[in-house]
């Protein structure tokens, strides 16, 4: 998966923050994690920092969100780009978060541009003691759809449902 720094920065120039979202796969099922603070089920995700590659951002975000020992339990290849999609913020929220180009120029952030990634893990559960999450589920596609129904943010629900559909289409989950 080769997406250059120039391509990532070009996304920033459109006022969208590049993000990764990681679908962790184990035994034909996908993990979803619960954030009690936001009452939200989701995939680990976060922004791609300036000058950072997608591969580096995956490792950093997973360690930030799931703890420092996560890397040893993930396959490093192949990292599969499932799809790209974006979420636009309502106009009232434009500029509510900082966004800078690689040269330091400030942009008005209008949304997030996601790279959805599939990554295999040998774990069937995660120790969430040092994580940002409060719960986890390992789900097949039907179970995931039920959990996704609980996501109250329309665009996050839409993009999560798309991830499950693509994972199933590609035979990564049952």
C-alpha atoms as a PDB file:
ATOM      1  CA  UNK A   1       0.000   0.000   0.000  1.00  0.00           C
ATOM      2  CA  UNK A   2       1.785   3.092  -1.244  1.00  0.00           C
ATOM      3  CA  UNK A   3       0.180   6.452  -0.630  1.00  0.00           C
ATOM      4  CA  UNK A   4       2.747   9.234  -0.762  1.00  0.00           C
ATOM      5  CA  UNK A   5       3.224  12.174   1.588  1.00  0.00           C
ATOM      6  CA  UNK A   6       2.302  14.400  -1.354  1.00  0.00           C
ATOM      7  CA  UNK A   7      -1.042  12.569  -1.748  1.00  0.00           C
ATOM      8  CA  UNK A   8      -1.741  12.771   2.000  1.00  0.00           C
ATOM      9  CA  UNK A   9      -0.910  16.497   2.065  1.00  0.00           C
ATOM     10  CA  UNK A  10      -3.138  17.035  -1.001  1.00  0.00           C
ATOM     11  CA  UNK A  11      -6.048  15.740   1.099  1.00  0.00           C
ATOM     12  CA  UNK A  12      -5.229  18.356   3.761  1.00  0.00           C
ATOM     13  CA  UNK A  13      -5.332  21.040   1.042  1.00  0.00           C
ATOM     14  CA  UNK A  14      -9.015  20.162   0.492  1.00  0.00           C
ATOM     15  CA  UNK A  15      -9.650  21.016   4.208  1.00  0.00           C
ATOM     16  CA  UNK A  16     -10.041  17.366   5.242  1.00  0.00           C
ATOM     17  CA  UNK A  17      -7.858  15.773   7.900  1.00  0.00           C
ATOM     18  CA  UNK A  18      -6.404  12.443   6.744  1.00  0.00           C
ATOM     19  CA  UNK A  19      -7.353   9.638   9.147  1.00  0.00           C
ATOM     20  CA  UNK A  20      -6.823   5.919   9.433  1.00  0.00           C
ATOM     21  CA  UNK A  21      -9.381   3.477  10.795  1.00  0.00           C
ATOM     22  CA  UNK A  22      -8.188  -0.069  11.482  1.00  0.00           C
ATOM     23  CA  UNK A  23     -10.406  -3.128  11.235  1.00  0.00           C
ATOM     24  CA  UNK A  24      -8.645  -5.760  13.335  1.00  0.00           C
ATOM     25  CA  UNK A  25      -9.504  -9.231  12.055  1.00  0.00           C
ATOM     26  CA  UNK A  26      -9.287 -12.532  13.937  1.00  0.00           C
ATOM     27  CA  UNK A  27     -10.698 -15.862  12.784  1.00  0.00           C
ATOM     28  CA  UNK A  28     -13.118 -14.349  10.198  1.00  0.00           C
ATOM     29  CA  UNK A  29     -14.457 -11.817  12.739  1.00  0.00           C
ATOM     30  CA  UNK A  30     -13.756  -8.123  13.340  1.00  0.00           C
ATOM     31  CA  UNK A  31     -13.152  -6.259  16.597  1.00  0.00           C
ATOM     32  CA  UNK A  32     -15.195  -3.252  17.570  1.00  0.00           C
ATOM     33  CA  UNK A  33     -14.367  -1.232  20.673  1.00  0.00           C
ATOM     34  CA  UNK A  34     -16.558   0.789  23.032  1.00  0.00           C
ATOM     35  CA  UNK A  35     -15.685   4.277  24.255  1.00  0.00           C
ATOM     36  CA  UNK A  36     -17.692   4.959  27.419  1.00  0.00           C
ATOM     37  CA  UNK A  37     -16.992   8.717  27.294  1.00  0.00           C
ATOM     38  CA  UNK A  38     -18.797   9.061  23.961  1.00  0.00           C
ATOM     39  CA  UNK A  39     -21.078   6.019  24.361  1.00  0.00           C
ATOM     40  CA  UNK A  40     -19.814   4.855  20.990  1.00  0.00           C
ATOM     41  CA  UNK A  41     -18.754   1.603  19.316  1.00  0.00           C
ATOM     42  CA  UNK A  42     -15.989   2.080  16.775  1.00  0.00           C
ATOM     43  CA  UNK A  43     -12.818   0.845  15.124  1.00  0.00           C
ATOM     44  CA  UNK A  44      -9.479   2.201  16.381  1.00  0.00           C
ATOM     45  CA  UNK A  45      -8.861   5.371  14.425  1.00  0.00           C
ATOM     46  CA  UNK A  46      -7.032   8.652  14.392  1.00  0.00           C
ATOM     47  CA  UNK A  47      -5.369  11.346  12.385  1.00  0.00           C
ATOM     48  CA  UNK A  48      -2.323  10.964  10.191  1.00  0.00           C
ATOM     49  CA  UNK A  49       0.178  13.494  11.527  1.00  0.00           C
ATOM     50  CA  UNK A  50       2.096  15.833   9.243  1.00  0.00           C
ATOM     51  CA  UNK A  51       5.047  14.027   7.678  1.00  0.00           C
ATOM     52  CA  UNK A  52       3.765  10.640   8.875  1.00  0.00           C
ATOM     53  CA  UNK A  53       3.156   7.655   6.598  1.00  0.00           C
ATOM     54  CA  UNK A  54      -0.003   5.606   6.774  1.00  0.00           C
ATOM     55  CA  UNK A  55       2.000   2.642   8.112  1.00  0.00           C
ATOM     56  CA  UNK A  56       3.532   4.765  10.892  1.00  0.00           C
ATOM     57  CA  UNK A  57       0.150   6.252  11.787  1.00  0.00           C
ATOM     58  CA  UNK A  58      -1.412   2.783  12.058  1.00  0.00           C
ATOM     59  CA  UNK A  59       1.252   1.678  14.530  1.00  0.00           C
ATOM     60  CA  UNK A  60       1.086   4.920  16.543  1.00  0.00           C
ATOM     61  CA  UNK A  61      -2.713   5.034  16.724  1.00  0.00           C
ATOM     62  CA  UNK A  62      -3.033   1.376  17.710  1.00  0.00           C
ATOM     63  CA  UNK A  63      -0.430   1.820  20.439  1.00  0.00           C
ATOM     64  CA  UNK A  64      -2.135   5.011  21.681  1.00  0.00           C
ATOM     65  CA  UNK A  65      -5.588   3.463  21.688  1.00  0.00           C
ATOM     66  CA  UNK A  66      -4.888  -0.187  22.561  1.00  0.00           C
ATOM     67  CA  UNK A  67      -1.609  -0.010  24.508  1.00  0.00           C
ATOM     68  CA  UNK A  68       2.098  -0.291  23.779  1.00  0.00           C
ATOM     69  CA  UNK A  69       2.194  -4.075  23.491  1.00  0.00           C
ATOM     70  CA  UNK A  70      -0.230  -4.264  20.579  1.00  0.00           C
ATOM     71  CA  UNK A  71       2.350  -4.303  17.762  1.00  0.00           C
ATOM     72  CA  UNK A  72       3.702  -7.749  18.579  1.00  0.00           C
ATOM     73  CA  UNK A  73       0.223  -9.244  18.113  1.00  0.00           C
ATOM     74  CA  UNK A  74      -0.449  -7.864  14.646  1.00  0.00           C
ATOM     75  CA  UNK A  75       0.632  -9.016  11.251  1.00  0.00           C
ATOM     76  CA  UNK A  76       2.738  -6.432   9.510  1.00  0.00           C
ATOM     77  CA  UNK A  77       1.910  -7.670   6.015  1.00  0.00           C
ATOM     78  CA  UNK A  78      -0.268  -7.500   4.182  1.00  0.00           C
ATOM     79  CA  UNK A  79      -1.889  -4.320   5.321  1.00  0.00           C
ATOM     80  CA  UNK A  80      -4.956  -4.095   3.148  1.00  0.00           C
ATOM     81  CA  UNK A  81      -6.518  -0.777   2.180  1.00  0.00           C
ATOM     82  CA  UNK A  82     -10.235  -1.563   2.161  1.00  0.00           C
ATOM     83  CA  UNK A  83     -11.563   1.784   0.932  1.00  0.00           C
ATOM     84  CA  UNK A  84     -11.353   5.544   1.268  1.00  0.00           C
ATOM     85  CA  UNK A  85     -14.246   7.764   2.337  1.00  0.00           C
ATOM     86  CA  UNK A  86     -14.818  11.097   3.992  1.00  0.00           C
ATOM     87  CA  UNK A  87     -17.054  12.651   6.590  1.00  0.00           C
ATOM     88  CA  UNK A  88     -17.961  16.325   6.192  1.00  0.00           C
ATOM     89  CA  UNK A  89     -18.646  18.355   9.312  1.00  0.00           C
ATOM     90  CA  UNK A  90     -21.749  20.536   9.521  1.00  0.00           C
ATOM     91  CA  UNK A  91     -20.826  24.070   8.421  1.00  0.00           C
ATOM     92  CA  UNK A  92     -21.152  25.369  11.998  1.00  0.00           C
ATOM     93  CA  UNK A  93     -18.195  23.108  12.968  1.00  0.00           C
ATOM     94  CA  UNK A  94     -15.874  24.131  10.140  1.00  0.00           C
ATOM     95  CA  UNK A  95     -12.590  25.299  11.615  1.00  0.00           C
ATOM     96  CA  UNK A  96     -13.428  23.915  15.061  1.00  0.00           C
ATOM     97  CA  UNK A  97     -10.293  21.754  14.931  1.00  0.00           C
ATOM     98  CA  UNK A  98      -6.794  22.634  13.851  1.00  0.00           C
ATOM     99  CA  UNK A  99      -5.470  21.451  10.498  1.00  0.00           C
ATOM    100  CA  UNK A 100      -2.046  22.296   9.090  1.00  0.00           C
ATOM    101  CA  UNK A 101      -0.374  21.440   5.817  1.00  0.00           C
ATOM    102  CA  UNK A 102       3.076  19.857   5.870  1.00  0.00           C
ATOM    103  CA  UNK A 103       4.615  23.321   5.333  1.00  0.00           C
ATOM    104  CA  UNK A 104       2.831  24.627   8.472  1.00  0.00           C
ATOM    105  CA  UNK A 105       0.142  26.632   6.674  1.00  0.00           C
ATOM    106  CA  UNK A 106      -3.148  26.570   8.601  1.00  0.00           C
ATOM    107  CA  UNK A 107      -6.321  25.344   6.903  1.00  0.00           C
ATOM    108  CA  UNK A 108      -9.977  25.445   7.953  1.00  0.00           C
ATOM    109  CA  UNK A 109     -10.848  21.838   8.761  1.00  0.00           C
ATOM    110  CA  UNK A 110     -14.156  20.837   7.156  1.00  0.00           C
ATOM    111  CA  UNK A 111     -14.105  17.117   7.850  1.00  0.00           C
ATOM    112  CA  UNK A 112     -12.122  13.894   7.924  1.00  0.00           C
ATOM    113  CA  UNK A 113     -10.830  11.746   5.070  1.00  0.00           C
ATOM    114  CA  UNK A 114     -10.569   8.088   6.096  1.00  0.00           C
ATOM    115  CA  UNK A 115      -8.327   5.295   4.889  1.00  0.00           C
ATOM    116  CA  UNK A 116      -9.980   2.095   6.167  1.00  0.00           C
ATOM    117  CA  UNK A 117      -7.390  -0.620   6.740  1.00  0.00           C
ATOM    118  CA  UNK A 118      -7.745  -4.364   7.485  1.00  0.00           C
ATOM    119  CA  UNK A 119      -5.100  -5.954   9.667  1.00  0.00           C
ATOM    120  CA  UNK A 120      -4.900  -9.502  11.036  1.00  0.00           C
ATOM    121  CA  UNK A 121      -4.292 -10.136  14.734  1.00  0.00           C
ATOM    122  CA  UNK A 122      -3.556 -13.377  16.571  1.00  0.00           C
ATOM    123  CA  UNK A 123      -5.511 -12.165  19.615  1.00  0.00           C
ATOM    124  CA  UNK A 124      -9.088 -13.150  20.350  1.00  0.00           C
ATOM    125  CA  UNK A 125      -9.364 -10.395  22.984  1.00  0.00           C
ATOM    126  CA  UNK A 126      -7.421  -7.333  24.097  1.00  0.00           C
ATOM    127  CA  UNK A 127      -6.316  -6.239  27.553  1.00  0.00           C
ATOM    128  CA  UNK A 128      -8.040  -2.858  27.723  1.00  0.00           C
ATOM    129  CA  UNK A 129      -6.459  -1.770  31.036  1.00  0.00           C
ATOM    130  CA  UNK A 130      -4.020   0.597  29.273  1.00  0.00           C
ATOM    131  CA  UNK A 131      -6.306   1.456  26.369  1.00  0.00           C
ATOM    132  CA  UNK A 132      -8.651   4.290  25.486  1.00  0.00           C
ATOM    133  CA  UNK A 133     -11.538   1.832  25.287  1.00  0.00           C
ATOM    134  CA  UNK A 134     -13.884   0.383  27.875  1.00  0.00           C
ATOM    135  CA  UNK A 135     -15.257  -2.634  26.019  1.00  0.00           C
ATOM    136  CA  UNK A 136     -14.685  -4.866  23.016  1.00  0.00           C
ATOM    137  CA  UNK A 137     -16.559  -7.333  20.873  1.00  0.00           C
ATOM    138  CA  UNK A 138     -15.305  -9.796  18.270  1.00  0.00           C
ATOM    139  CA  UNK A 139     -18.092  -9.956  15.698  1.00  0.00           C
ATOM    140  CA  UNK A 140     -19.182 -11.613  12.485  1.00  0.00           C
ATOM    141  CA  UNK A 141     -20.918  -9.372   9.945  1.00  0.00           C
ATOM    142  CA  UNK A 142     -24.448  -9.898  11.296  1.00  0.00           C
ATOM    143  CA  UNK A 143     -23.372  -9.210  14.889  1.00  0.00           C
ATOM    144  CA  UNK A 144     -21.427  -6.145  13.716  1.00  0.00           C
ATOM    145  CA  UNK A 145     -24.512  -4.751  11.964  1.00  0.00           C
ATOM    146  CA  UNK A 146     -26.455  -4.966  15.248  1.00  0.00           C
ATOM    147  CA  UNK A 147     -23.685  -3.124  17.119  1.00  0.00           C
ATOM    148  CA  UNK A 148     -23.440  -0.504  14.354  1.00  0.00           C
ATOM    149  CA  UNK A 149     -27.180   0.157  14.742  1.00  0.00           C
ATOM    150  CA  UNK A 150     -26.261   1.610  18.184  1.00  0.00           C
ATOM    151  CA  UNK A 151     -23.933   4.258  16.706  1.00  0.00           C
ATOM    152  CA  UNK A 152     -25.796   7.564  17.024  1.00  0.00           C
ATOM    153  CA  UNK A 153     -23.541   9.587  14.698  1.00  0.00           C
ATOM    154  CA  UNK A 154     -25.003   9.181  11.208  1.00  0.00           C
ATOM    155  CA  UNK A 155     -21.751   9.417   9.238  1.00  0.00           C
ATOM    156  CA  UNK A 156     -19.818   7.202  11.644  1.00  0.00           C
ATOM    157  CA  UNK A 157     -22.623   4.640  11.377  1.00  0.00           C
ATOM    158  CA  UNK A 158     -22.616   4.885   7.569  1.00  0.00           C
ATOM    159  CA  UNK A 159     -18.864   4.468   7.226  1.00  0.00           C
ATOM    160  CA  UNK A 160     -18.744   1.620   9.798  1.00  0.00           C
ATOM    161  CA  UNK A 161     -21.494  -0.232   7.930  1.00  0.00           C
ATOM    162  CA  UNK A 162     -19.515   0.231   4.707  1.00  0.00           C
ATOM    163  CA  UNK A 163     -16.425  -1.257   6.391  1.00  0.00           C
ATOM    164  CA  UNK A 164     -18.355  -4.376   7.429  1.00  0.00           C
ATOM    165  CA  UNK A 165     -19.809  -4.775   3.927  1.00  0.00           C
ATOM    166  CA  UNK A 166     -16.361  -4.502   2.307  1.00  0.00           C
ATOM    167  CA  UNK A 167     -14.806  -6.908   4.841  1.00  0.00           C
ATOM    168  CA  UNK A 168     -17.540  -9.440   4.075  1.00  0.00           C
ATOM    169  CA  UNK A 169     -17.275  -8.920   0.287  1.00  0.00           C
ATOM    170  CA  UNK A 170     -13.549  -9.583   0.449  1.00  0.00           C
ATOM    171  CA  UNK A 171     -14.043 -12.733   2.527  1.00  0.00           C
ATOM    172  CA  UNK A 172     -12.202 -11.326   5.545  1.00  0.00           C
ATOM    173  CA  UNK A 173     -15.179 -11.831   7.891  1.00  0.00           C
ATOM    174  CA  UNK A 174     -18.135 -14.205   7.818  1.00  0.00           C
END
